[in-house]
N, C-alpha and C. Protein backbone atom coordinates (compact mmCIF):
# COMPACT_ATOMS: atom_id res chain seq x y z
N MET A 1 0.90 -1.12 0.01
CA MET A 1 -0.06 0.00 0.15
C MET A 1 1.01 1.27 -0.20
N SER A 2 0.66 2.09 -0.87
CA SER A 2 1.40 3.57 -0.76
C SER A 2 0.79 4.39 0.37
N ALA A 3 1.86 5.67 0.60
CA ALA A 3 1.69 6.05 1.81
C ALA A 3 0.45 7.12 1.41
N GLY A 4 0.02 7.50 0.55
CA GLY A 4 -1.06 8.45 0.58
C GLY A 4 -2.39 7.79 0.51
N SER A 5 -2.55 6.34 0.12
CA SER A 5 -3.74 5.73 0.11
C SER A 5 -4.38 5.26 1.51
N SER A 6 -5.74 5.11 1.61
CA SER A 6 -6.45 4.84 2.54
C SER A 6 -6.83 3.43 2.43
N PRO A 7 -7.04 2.74 3.49
CA PRO A 7 -7.33 1.39 3.82
C PRO A 7 -8.70 1.26 3.98
N GLU A 8 -9.52 2.01 4.21
CA GLU A 8 -11.05 2.28 4.54
C GLU A 8 -11.84 1.98 3.43
N GLU A 9 -11.46 2.87 2.34
CA GLU A 9 -12.15 3.13 1.13
C GLU A 9 -11.29 2.84 -0.44
N PRO A 10 -11.40 1.88 -0.81
CA PRO A 10 -10.80 1.59 -2.34
C PRO A 10 -11.01 2.94 -3.24
N ARG A 11 -9.74 3.68 -3.72
CA ARG A 11 -9.66 4.25 -5.13
C ARG A 11 -10.39 4.18 -5.97
N ALA A 12 -11.23 4.60 -6.48
CA ALA A 12 -12.22 5.03 -7.35
C ALA A 12 -11.54 5.43 -9.11
N PRO A 13 -11.45 4.34 -10.05
CA PRO A 13 -10.95 4.53 -11.01
C PRO A 13 -11.26 6.09 -11.79
N ARG A 14 -10.02 6.56 -12.08
CA ARG A 14 -10.51 8.20 -12.70
C ARG A 14 -11.28 8.04 -13.95
N ALA A 15 -12.28 8.62 -13.96
CA ALA A 15 -12.89 8.91 -15.30
C ALA A 15 -11.83 9.13 -16.44
N THR A 16 -12.11 8.58 -17.50
CA THR A 16 -11.11 8.97 -18.74
C THR A 16 -11.43 9.98 -19.76
N GLY A 17 -12.59 10.76 -19.18
CA GLY A 17 -12.93 11.90 -19.92
C GLY A 17 -14.43 12.15 -19.77
N LEU A 18 -14.83 13.56 -20.49
CA LEU A 18 -16.20 13.33 -20.26
C LEU A 18 -17.24 12.73 -21.30
N PRO A 19 -18.67 12.44 -21.06
CA PRO A 19 -19.29 11.20 -21.45
C PRO A 19 -19.43 11.91 -23.11
N HIS A 20 -19.81 11.17 -23.64
CA HIS A 20 -20.13 11.61 -25.41
C HIS A 20 -21.48 12.14 -25.47
N PRO A 21 -21.57 13.41 -25.97
CA PRO A 21 -23.05 13.86 -25.85
C PRO A 21 -24.17 13.55 -26.59
N THR A 22 -23.82 12.06 -27.33
CA THR A 22 -25.20 11.52 -27.65
C THR A 22 -25.39 10.76 -26.65
N ARG A 23 -24.69 10.08 -26.09
CA ARG A 23 -25.34 9.30 -25.07
C ARG A 23 -26.58 9.90 -24.09
N GLU A 24 -27.55 8.87 -24.37
CA GLU A 24 -28.78 9.65 -23.17
C GLU A 24 -28.64 9.70 -21.63
N GLY A 25 -28.69 10.71 -20.96
CA GLY A 25 -28.56 10.39 -19.38
C GLY A 25 -27.09 10.55 -19.28
N ALA A 26 -25.95 10.66 -20.02
CA ALA A 26 -25.06 10.49 -19.34
C ALA A 26 -24.47 11.55 -18.13
N GLU A 27 -23.88 11.20 -17.52
CA GLU A 27 -23.69 12.08 -16.30
C GLU A 27 -22.03 12.47 -16.16
N VAL A 28 -22.19 14.01 -16.07
CA VAL A 28 -20.56 14.36 -16.02
C VAL A 28 -20.24 14.37 -14.86
N THR A 29 -18.94 13.89 -14.80
CA THR A 29 -18.30 13.96 -12.89
C THR A 29 -17.61 15.35 -13.15
N LEU A 30 -17.71 15.58 -11.79
CA LEU A 30 -16.73 17.08 -11.59
C LEU A 30 -15.81 16.53 -10.98
N GLU A 31 -14.74 17.28 -11.61
CA GLU A 31 -13.28 17.02 -10.90
C GLU A 31 -12.68 17.77 -10.16
N ARG A 32 -12.05 17.62 -9.21
CA ARG A 32 -11.84 18.63 -8.31
C ARG A 32 -10.70 19.42 -8.90
N THR A 33 -10.67 20.88 -8.55
CA THR A 33 -10.04 21.78 -9.16
C THR A 33 -8.94 22.08 -8.45
N VAL A 34 -8.10 22.41 -9.26
CA VAL A 34 -6.52 22.78 -8.69
C VAL A 34 -6.43 24.08 -9.36
N PRO A 35 -5.65 24.97 -8.32
CA PRO A 35 -5.22 26.18 -8.91
C PRO A 35 -4.05 26.27 -10.37
N ALA A 36 -4.19 26.62 -11.23
CA ALA A 36 -3.23 26.54 -12.26
C ALA A 36 -1.92 27.41 -11.55
N ARG A 37 -0.81 26.61 -12.46
CA ARG A 37 0.33 27.19 -11.75
C ARG A 37 0.85 28.33 -13.14
N ALA A 38 0.68 29.65 -12.14
CA ALA A 38 0.86 30.61 -13.09
C ALA A 38 2.15 30.80 -13.93
N ASP A 39 3.24 30.32 -13.33
CA ASP A 39 4.93 30.43 -13.67
C ASP A 39 4.75 30.05 -15.26
N ARG A 40 4.01 28.99 -15.10
CA ARG A 40 3.94 28.15 -17.11
C ARG A 40 3.44 29.17 -17.56
N LEU A 41 2.84 30.40 -17.46
CA LEU A 41 2.41 31.46 -18.57
C LEU A 41 2.78 32.64 -18.57
N HIS A 42 3.27 33.44 -20.08
CA HIS A 42 3.78 34.53 -19.71
C HIS A 42 2.85 35.61 -19.56
N GLY A 43 3.14 37.10 -19.83
CA GLY A 43 2.44 38.43 -19.79
C GLY A 43 1.16 38.31 -20.63
N ARG A 44 1.28 37.47 -21.66
CA ARG A 44 0.14 38.08 -22.40
C ARG A 44 -0.88 36.93 -22.26
N SER A 45 -0.54 35.43 -21.94
CA SER A 45 -1.44 34.40 -21.71
C SER A 45 -2.07 35.00 -20.41
N ARG A 46 -1.43 35.92 -19.38
CA ARG A 46 -2.19 36.11 -18.17
C ARG A 46 -3.01 36.79 -18.15
N ASP A 47 -2.70 37.75 -19.37
CA ASP A 47 -3.61 39.15 -19.92
C ASP A 47 -4.95 38.16 -20.59
N ARG A 48 -4.85 37.14 -21.04
CA ARG A 48 -5.81 36.29 -22.08
C ARG A 48 -6.76 35.69 -20.87
N ILE A 49 -5.69 35.44 -19.99
CA ILE A 49 -6.89 34.50 -18.72
C ILE A 49 -7.53 35.58 -18.02
N ARG A 50 -7.24 36.82 -17.52
CA ARG A 50 -8.02 37.74 -17.21
C ARG A 50 -9.16 37.95 -18.05
N ALA A 51 -9.15 38.35 -19.46
CA ALA A 51 -10.39 38.38 -19.96
C ALA A 51 -11.28 37.31 -19.95
N LEU A 52 -10.91 36.11 -20.13
CA LEU A 52 -11.46 34.53 -19.62
C LEU A 52 -12.01 34.79 -18.65
N ASP A 53 -11.71 35.06 -17.64
CA ASP A 53 -12.33 35.24 -16.34
C ASP A 53 -13.51 36.38 -16.83
N VAL A 54 -13.83 37.25 -17.57
CA VAL A 54 -14.74 38.22 -17.54
C VAL A 54 -15.83 37.17 -18.59
N LEU A 55 -15.25 36.51 -19.29
CA LEU A 55 -16.39 35.94 -20.10
C LEU A 55 -16.73 34.56 -19.18
N PHE A 56 -15.89 33.93 -18.42
CA PHE A 56 -16.77 32.98 -17.88
C PHE A 56 -17.59 33.38 -16.64
N GLU A 57 -17.44 34.43 -16.00
CA GLU A 57 -18.12 35.22 -15.22
C GLU A 57 -19.29 35.87 -15.60
N ALA A 58 -19.57 36.36 -17.20
CA ALA A 58 -20.71 36.54 -17.63
C ALA A 58 -21.69 35.10 -18.08
N ASP A 59 -20.92 34.14 -18.41
CA ASP A 59 -21.41 32.85 -18.77
C ASP A 59 -22.37 32.42 -17.49
N ALA A 60 -21.24 32.41 -16.30
CA ALA A 60 -21.95 32.08 -14.91
C ALA A 60 -23.23 32.59 -14.62
N LYS A 61 -23.29 33.89 -14.80
CA LYS A 61 -23.89 34.56 -14.14
C LYS A 61 -25.65 34.83 -15.91
N GLN A 62 -24.65 34.39 -16.53
CA GLN A 62 -26.10 34.89 -17.52
C GLN A 62 -26.25 36.09 -17.62
N VAL A 63 -25.29 37.13 -17.85
CA VAL A 63 -25.34 38.53 -17.94
C VAL A 63 -24.43 38.79 -19.23
N ASP A 64 -24.71 39.77 -19.85
CA ASP A 64 -23.87 40.70 -20.88
C ASP A 64 -22.78 40.74 -20.42
N VAL A 65 -21.65 40.40 -21.46
CA VAL A 65 -20.10 40.46 -21.34
C VAL A 65 -19.82 41.67 -20.82
N LEU A 66 -20.48 42.64 -21.54
CA LEU A 66 -19.83 44.25 -21.64
C LEU A 66 -20.48 44.76 -20.27
N ASP A 67 -21.18 44.55 -19.37
CA ASP A 67 -21.68 44.27 -18.18
C ASP A 67 -20.75 44.16 -17.00
N VAL A 68 -19.94 42.54 -17.25
CA VAL A 68 -19.11 42.18 -16.40
C VAL A 68 -18.01 42.95 -16.82
N LEU A 69 -17.50 43.35 -17.71
CA LEU A 69 -16.78 44.11 -18.04
C LEU A 69 -16.77 45.34 -17.50
N ALA A 70 -17.63 45.86 -17.60
CA ALA A 70 -17.79 47.74 -17.06
C ALA A 70 -17.52 47.43 -15.19
N GLU A 71 -18.14 46.36 -14.59
CA GLU A 71 -18.08 46.15 -13.21
C GLU A 71 -16.33 45.72 -13.10
N ARG A 72 -15.68 44.82 -13.65
CA ARG A 72 -14.57 44.61 -13.21
C ARG A 72 -13.31 45.72 -13.71
N LEU A 73 -13.78 47.01 -14.40
CA LEU A 73 -13.24 47.82 -14.60
C LEU A 73 -13.34 48.64 -13.21
N ARG A 74 -14.54 48.83 -12.88
CA ARG A 74 -14.96 49.22 -11.48
C ARG A 74 -14.22 48.88 -10.13
N VAL A 75 -14.62 47.65 -10.13
CA VAL A 75 -14.19 46.60 -9.17
C VAL A 75 -13.50 45.51 -9.63
N THR A 76 -12.30 45.00 -9.22
CA THR A 76 -11.75 43.84 -9.55
C THR A 76 -11.57 43.10 -8.48
N ALA A 77 -11.64 41.44 -8.58
CA ALA A 77 -11.64 40.71 -7.62
C ALA A 77 -10.05 40.36 -7.61
N ALA A 78 -9.50 40.70 -8.35
CA ALA A 78 -7.94 40.41 -8.57
C ALA A 78 -7.06 41.45 -7.49
N GLN A 79 -5.85 41.13 -7.46
CA GLN A 79 -5.01 42.32 -6.82
C GLN A 79 -4.65 43.37 -7.52
N THR A 80 -4.87 43.19 -9.13
CA THR A 80 -4.56 44.56 -9.69
C THR A 80 -5.64 44.35 -10.88
N PRO A 81 -5.19 45.91 -11.43
CA PRO A 81 -6.64 46.03 -12.50
C PRO A 81 -6.56 45.58 -13.47
N LEU A 82 -7.53 45.41 -13.82
CA LEU A 82 -7.88 44.32 -15.53
C LEU A 82 -7.01 45.00 -16.46
N PRO A 83 -5.86 44.41 -17.12
CA PRO A 83 -5.08 44.49 -17.97
C PRO A 83 -5.58 45.17 -19.63
N GLN A 84 -5.09 46.24 -19.81
CA GLN A 84 -5.73 46.69 -21.29
C GLN A 84 -6.06 45.71 -22.30
N LEU A 85 -4.84 44.80 -22.27
CA LEU A 85 -5.43 43.81 -23.65
C LEU A 85 -6.39 42.86 -22.85
N ALA A 86 -6.56 42.53 -21.74
CA ALA A 86 -7.69 41.82 -21.60
C ALA A 86 -8.90 42.58 -21.76
N ARG A 87 -9.23 43.77 -21.60
CA ARG A 87 -10.05 44.62 -21.73
C ARG A 87 -10.64 44.73 -23.42
N GLU A 88 -9.31 44.61 -24.11
CA GLU A 88 -9.78 44.53 -25.73
C GLU A 88 -9.98 43.92 -26.25
N LEU A 89 -9.72 42.40 -25.65
CA LEU A 89 -9.90 41.24 -26.08
C LEU A 89 -11.59 40.92 -25.95
N VAL A 90 -12.06 41.33 -24.62
CA VAL A 90 -13.26 41.34 -23.87
C VAL A 90 -14.35 42.36 -25.39
N GLU A 91 -13.55 43.42 -25.40
CA GLU A 91 -14.38 43.88 -26.18
C GLU A 91 -14.15 43.63 -27.87
N LEU A 92 -13.30 43.16 -28.10
CA LEU A 92 -13.32 42.08 -29.40
C LEU A 92 -14.44 41.12 -29.64
N TYR A 93 -14.41 40.24 -28.82
CA TYR A 93 -15.41 39.53 -28.44
C TYR A 93 -17.03 39.96 -28.53
N ALA A 94 -17.01 40.90 -27.47
CA ALA A 94 -18.51 41.13 -27.50
C ALA A 94 -19.72 41.23 -28.81
N PRO A 95 -19.10 41.98 -29.75
CA PRO A 95 -20.10 41.98 -30.66
C PRO A 95 -20.50 40.89 -31.61
N TYR A 96 -19.34 39.91 -31.31
CA TYR A 96 -19.59 38.41 -32.39
C TYR A 96 -19.96 37.72 -31.66
N ALA A 97 -20.40 37.78 -30.45
CA ALA A 97 -20.78 36.61 -29.55
C ALA A 97 -21.46 35.78 -29.87
N LEU A 98 -22.60 35.93 -30.26
CA LEU A 98 -23.48 35.03 -31.40
C LEU A 98 -23.19 34.40 -32.33
N ASP A 99 -22.50 35.16 -33.04
CA ASP A 99 -22.01 34.17 -34.34
C ASP A 99 -20.96 33.35 -34.00
N ILE A 100 -19.71 33.96 -33.14
CA ILE A 100 -18.86 32.96 -32.48
C ILE A 100 -19.33 31.83 -31.92
N ASP A 101 -20.68 31.92 -31.00
CA ASP A 101 -21.31 30.44 -30.76
C ASP A 101 -21.69 29.92 -31.57
N GLU A 102 -22.45 30.51 -32.66
CA GLU A 102 -23.00 29.35 -33.55
C GLU A 102 -22.08 28.81 -34.71
N ASP A 103 -20.64 29.65 -34.86
CA ASP A 103 -19.70 28.75 -35.26
C ASP A 103 -19.06 27.77 -34.52
N LEU A 104 -18.88 27.83 -33.31
CA LEU A 104 -18.43 26.72 -32.42
C LEU A 104 -19.10 25.84 -32.26
N GLU A 105 -20.60 25.71 -32.22
CA GLU A 105 -21.45 24.78 -32.71
C GLU A 105 -21.38 24.08 -33.75
N THR A 106 -21.53 24.78 -34.54
CA THR A 106 -21.43 24.26 -36.38
C THR A 106 -20.33 23.41 -36.39
N HIS A 107 -18.99 24.01 -35.79
CA HIS A 107 -17.80 23.06 -36.23
C HIS A 107 -17.32 22.17 -34.92
N SER A 108 -17.70 22.02 -33.72
CA SER A 108 -17.38 21.32 -32.63
C SER A 108 -17.68 19.64 -32.73
N ARG A 109 -18.22 19.58 -33.82
CA ARG A 109 -18.69 18.05 -34.25
C ARG A 109 -19.62 17.10 -33.14
N ASP A 110 -20.60 17.40 -32.90
CA ASP A 110 -21.45 16.52 -31.71
C ASP A 110 -20.85 17.28 -30.54
N TRP A 111 -20.79 18.04 -30.45
CA TRP A 111 -20.24 18.94 -28.62
C TRP A 111 -20.90 20.19 -28.52
N PRO A 112 -22.32 20.43 -28.48
CA PRO A 112 -22.88 21.37 -28.32
C PRO A 112 -22.05 22.04 -27.28
N LEU A 113 -22.03 23.90 -27.18
CA LEU A 113 -21.56 24.71 -26.46
C LEU A 113 -22.18 24.08 -24.55
N HIS A 114 -23.56 23.96 -24.66
CA HIS A 114 -23.98 23.99 -23.32
C HIS A 114 -23.24 22.38 -22.67
N ARG A 115 -22.68 21.02 -23.61
CA ARG A 115 -22.26 20.38 -22.92
C ARG A 115 -20.50 20.55 -22.75
N MET A 116 -20.30 21.67 -23.09
CA MET A 116 -18.71 21.77 -22.69
C MET A 116 -18.42 22.37 -21.66
N PRO A 117 -17.41 21.71 -20.91
CA PRO A 117 -17.37 22.31 -19.72
C PRO A 117 -16.98 23.90 -19.93
N ALA A 118 -17.48 24.52 -19.25
CA ALA A 118 -17.56 26.24 -18.65
C ALA A 118 -15.94 27.23 -19.12
N VAL A 119 -15.01 26.19 -18.28
CA VAL A 119 -13.80 26.95 -18.75
C VAL A 119 -13.40 26.77 -20.45
N ASP A 120 -13.72 25.53 -21.04
CA ASP A 120 -13.60 25.60 -22.36
C ASP A 120 -14.37 26.51 -23.31
N ARG A 121 -15.49 26.60 -23.04
CA ARG A 121 -16.49 27.58 -23.41
C ARG A 121 -15.89 28.89 -23.68
N ALA A 122 -15.30 29.28 -22.10
CA ALA A 122 -14.73 30.61 -22.56
C ALA A 122 -13.52 30.83 -23.32
N ILE A 123 -12.51 29.42 -23.33
CA ILE A 123 -11.23 29.58 -23.90
C ILE A 123 -11.80 30.08 -25.62
N LEU A 124 -12.51 28.80 -25.70
CA LEU A 124 -13.10 28.69 -27.17
C LEU A 124 -13.77 29.86 -27.70
N ARG A 125 -14.51 30.64 -26.83
CA ARG A 125 -15.03 32.08 -27.20
C ARG A 125 -14.19 33.02 -27.41
N LEU A 126 -13.38 32.99 -26.63
CA LEU A 126 -11.87 34.15 -26.76
C LEU A 126 -11.28 33.90 -27.88
N GLY A 127 -10.66 32.66 -27.82
CA GLY A 127 -9.84 32.15 -28.78
C GLY A 127 -10.76 32.22 -30.51
N SER A 128 -11.67 31.95 -30.36
CA SER A 128 -12.54 32.59 -31.46
C SER A 128 -12.50 33.82 -31.99
N ALA A 129 -12.54 34.52 -31.17
CA ALA A 129 -12.61 36.17 -31.34
C ALA A 129 -11.39 36.44 -31.79
N GLU A 130 -10.44 35.98 -31.48
CA GLU A 130 -8.95 36.53 -32.08
C GLU A 130 -8.70 35.82 -32.91
N VAL A 131 -9.07 34.34 -33.42
CA VAL A 131 -8.29 34.00 -34.58
C VAL A 131 -9.31 34.24 -35.88
N LEU A 132 -10.59 34.73 -35.47
CA LEU A 132 -11.75 35.26 -36.52
C LEU A 132 -11.79 36.63 -36.98
N TYR A 133 -11.64 37.34 -35.85
CA TYR A 133 -11.88 38.86 -36.18
C TYR A 133 -10.42 39.67 -35.64
N GLY A 134 -9.57 39.32 -34.96
CA GLY A 134 -8.59 39.73 -34.35
C GLY A 134 -7.97 40.25 -35.48
N GLU A 135 -6.87 41.74 -35.18
CA GLU A 135 -6.18 42.19 -35.90
C GLU A 135 -4.50 42.27 -35.52
N SER A 136 -4.34 41.02 -35.14
CA SER A 136 -3.20 41.21 -33.80
C SER A 136 -1.95 40.73 -34.79
N ASP A 137 -0.80 41.45 -34.56
CA ASP A 137 0.70 40.84 -34.82
C ASP A 137 1.15 39.74 -34.98
N THR A 138 0.26 39.05 -33.69
CA THR A 138 0.64 37.92 -33.49
C THR A 138 -0.21 36.77 -34.56
N SER A 139 0.80 36.00 -34.97
CA SER A 139 0.08 34.85 -36.01
C SER A 139 -1.01 34.05 -35.87
N ARG A 140 -1.84 33.56 -36.60
CA ARG A 140 -2.76 33.02 -35.87
C ARG A 140 -2.29 31.46 -35.15
N GLY A 141 -1.56 31.15 -35.38
CA GLY A 141 -0.59 30.07 -35.46
C GLY A 141 -0.31 30.10 -34.16
N ALA A 142 0.64 31.03 -33.28
CA ALA A 142 0.71 31.36 -32.31
C ALA A 142 -0.45 31.95 -31.17
N VAL A 143 -1.35 32.29 -31.57
CA VAL A 143 -2.87 32.91 -30.81
C VAL A 143 -3.36 31.22 -30.47
N ILE A 144 -3.38 30.24 -31.52
CA ILE A 144 -3.90 29.13 -31.36
C ILE A 144 -3.23 28.41 -29.87
N GLY A 145 -1.69 28.31 -30.31
CA GLY A 145 -0.73 27.74 -29.44
C GLY A 145 -1.49 28.39 -27.75
N GLU A 146 -1.31 29.77 -27.75
CA GLU A 146 -1.45 30.14 -26.55
C GLU A 146 -2.79 29.42 -25.56
N TYR A 147 -4.09 29.74 -26.47
CA TYR A 147 -5.27 29.19 -25.84
C TYR A 147 -5.05 27.65 -25.66
N THR A 148 -4.24 27.15 -26.52
CA THR A 148 -4.02 25.37 -26.26
C THR A 148 -3.19 25.44 -24.95
N LYS A 149 -2.41 26.03 -24.71
CA LYS A 149 -1.36 26.26 -23.51
C LYS A 149 -2.67 26.66 -22.33
N ILE A 150 -3.25 27.86 -22.33
CA ILE A 150 -4.29 28.02 -21.49
C ILE A 150 -5.13 26.90 -21.10
N ALA A 151 -5.73 26.23 -22.06
CA ALA A 151 -6.35 24.81 -21.97
C ALA A 151 -5.78 23.76 -20.69
N GLU A 152 -4.58 23.84 -21.22
CA GLU A 152 -3.35 22.78 -20.73
C GLU A 152 -3.41 22.96 -18.99
N VAL A 153 -3.09 24.32 -18.76
CA VAL A 153 -3.15 24.63 -17.70
C VAL A 153 -4.52 24.84 -16.80
N LEU A 154 -5.62 25.40 -17.49
CA LEU A 154 -6.89 25.75 -16.64
C LEU A 154 -7.95 24.48 -16.68
N SER A 155 -8.00 23.75 -17.60
CA SER A 155 -9.03 22.89 -17.90
C SER A 155 -8.53 21.32 -18.03
N THR A 156 -9.15 20.52 -18.67
CA THR A 156 -8.96 18.77 -18.60
C THR A 156 -7.67 18.40 -19.08
N ASP A 157 -7.69 17.05 -18.91
CA ASP A 157 -6.65 16.92 -19.78
C ASP A 157 -7.08 16.55 -21.42
N ASP A 158 -8.10 16.16 -21.80
CA ASP A 158 -8.60 16.26 -22.85
C ASP A 158 -8.67 17.69 -23.64
N SER A 159 -9.12 18.89 -22.85
CA SER A 159 -8.89 20.25 -23.21
C SER A 159 -8.16 20.59 -24.49
N PRO A 160 -7.04 20.64 -24.00
CA PRO A 160 -6.05 21.03 -25.03
C PRO A 160 -5.95 20.71 -26.32
N ARG A 161 -6.23 19.63 -26.56
CA ARG A 161 -6.39 18.74 -27.83
C ARG A 161 -7.85 18.91 -28.77
N PHE A 162 -8.84 19.28 -27.89
CA PHE A 162 -10.17 19.80 -28.17
C PHE A 162 -10.27 21.35 -28.48
N VAL A 163 -9.33 22.16 -27.84
CA VAL A 163 -9.60 23.63 -28.04
C VAL A 163 -8.65 23.61 -29.34
N ASN A 164 -7.29 23.26 -29.42
CA ASN A 164 -6.62 23.25 -30.37
C ASN A 164 -7.19 22.92 -31.74
N GLY A 165 -7.92 21.67 -31.98
CA GLY A 165 -8.49 20.96 -33.23
C GLY A 165 -9.55 22.08 -33.56
N LEU A 166 -10.25 22.41 -32.56
CA LEU A 166 -11.55 23.44 -32.84
C LEU A 166 -11.31 24.95 -33.17
N LEU A 167 -9.99 25.43 -32.66
CA LEU A 167 -9.59 26.58 -33.02
C LEU A 167 -9.00 26.76 -34.55
N GLN A 168 -8.36 25.53 -34.80
CA GLN A 168 -7.49 24.94 -36.26
C GLN A 168 -8.58 25.11 -37.19
N ARG A 169 -9.60 24.43 -36.96
CA ARG A 169 -10.72 24.20 -37.87
C ARG A 169 -11.19 25.59 -38.29
N LEU A 170 -11.57 26.46 -37.15
CA LEU A 170 -12.04 27.59 -37.42
C LEU A 170 -11.24 28.68 -38.38
N ALA A 171 -9.77 28.34 -38.14
CA ALA A 171 -8.77 29.12 -38.73
C ALA A 171 -8.86 28.77 -40.30
N GLU A 172 -8.93 27.62 -40.60
CA GLU A 172 -9.27 27.18 -41.51
C GLU A 172 -10.09 27.56 -42.48
N VAL A 173 -11.02 27.77 -41.90
CA VAL A 173 -12.45 28.07 -42.70
C VAL A 173 -12.47 29.88 -42.48
N ARG A 174 -11.83 30.29 -42.07
CA ARG A 174 -11.80 31.84 -41.52
C ARG A 174 -12.52 32.72 -42.69
N GLY A 175 -12.17 32.50 -43.92
CA GLY A 175 -12.50 33.22 -45.03
C GLY A 175 -13.88 33.53 -44.90
N LEU A 176 -14.42 32.24 -44.87
CA LEU A 176 -16.07 31.80 -44.90
C LEU A 176 -16.72 32.53 -44.19
N LEU A 177 -16.33 32.49 -42.46
CA LEU A 177 -16.88 32.93 -41.49
C LEU A 177 -16.67 34.49 -41.21
N SER A 178 -15.68 34.95 -41.35
CA SER A 178 -15.56 36.42 -40.78
C SER A 178 -15.69 37.33 -42.13
């Protein structure tokens, strides 16, 4: 027996991922959350995460993202004010929110938005805004790589591959969508 295991109850096998959305009645097992290691991300990624926080909060509260942004600009839960890049990313996303959700639904292949983890939804929404509508000096591949890295740090083991694949798909059809 290893030092950390308990003799009273056997350890349940770890879930291999989210249930396939076509299975009726499939239950989603919530994983214990672990704070992300911020030392693995550089400044621009941290600014993106602050923008993701705004999208995540708006989604959870089911309110307009610009209302949450205005509130975060007045009062922030973080120790520092909302960075300018985070604000710009939320403002980039906001006017295209419905179009982005429709694009994600269309190209996610059997994964409706409401079945995705909330963190993945926020990552995909913001990443899609940058990939489809951003005028950044950063290449689309680098942007996709950053959102993939963010998913690796903040979400499930399967999320980075899913985020990368879906953002790549949207980048491929960018001319048709934007």
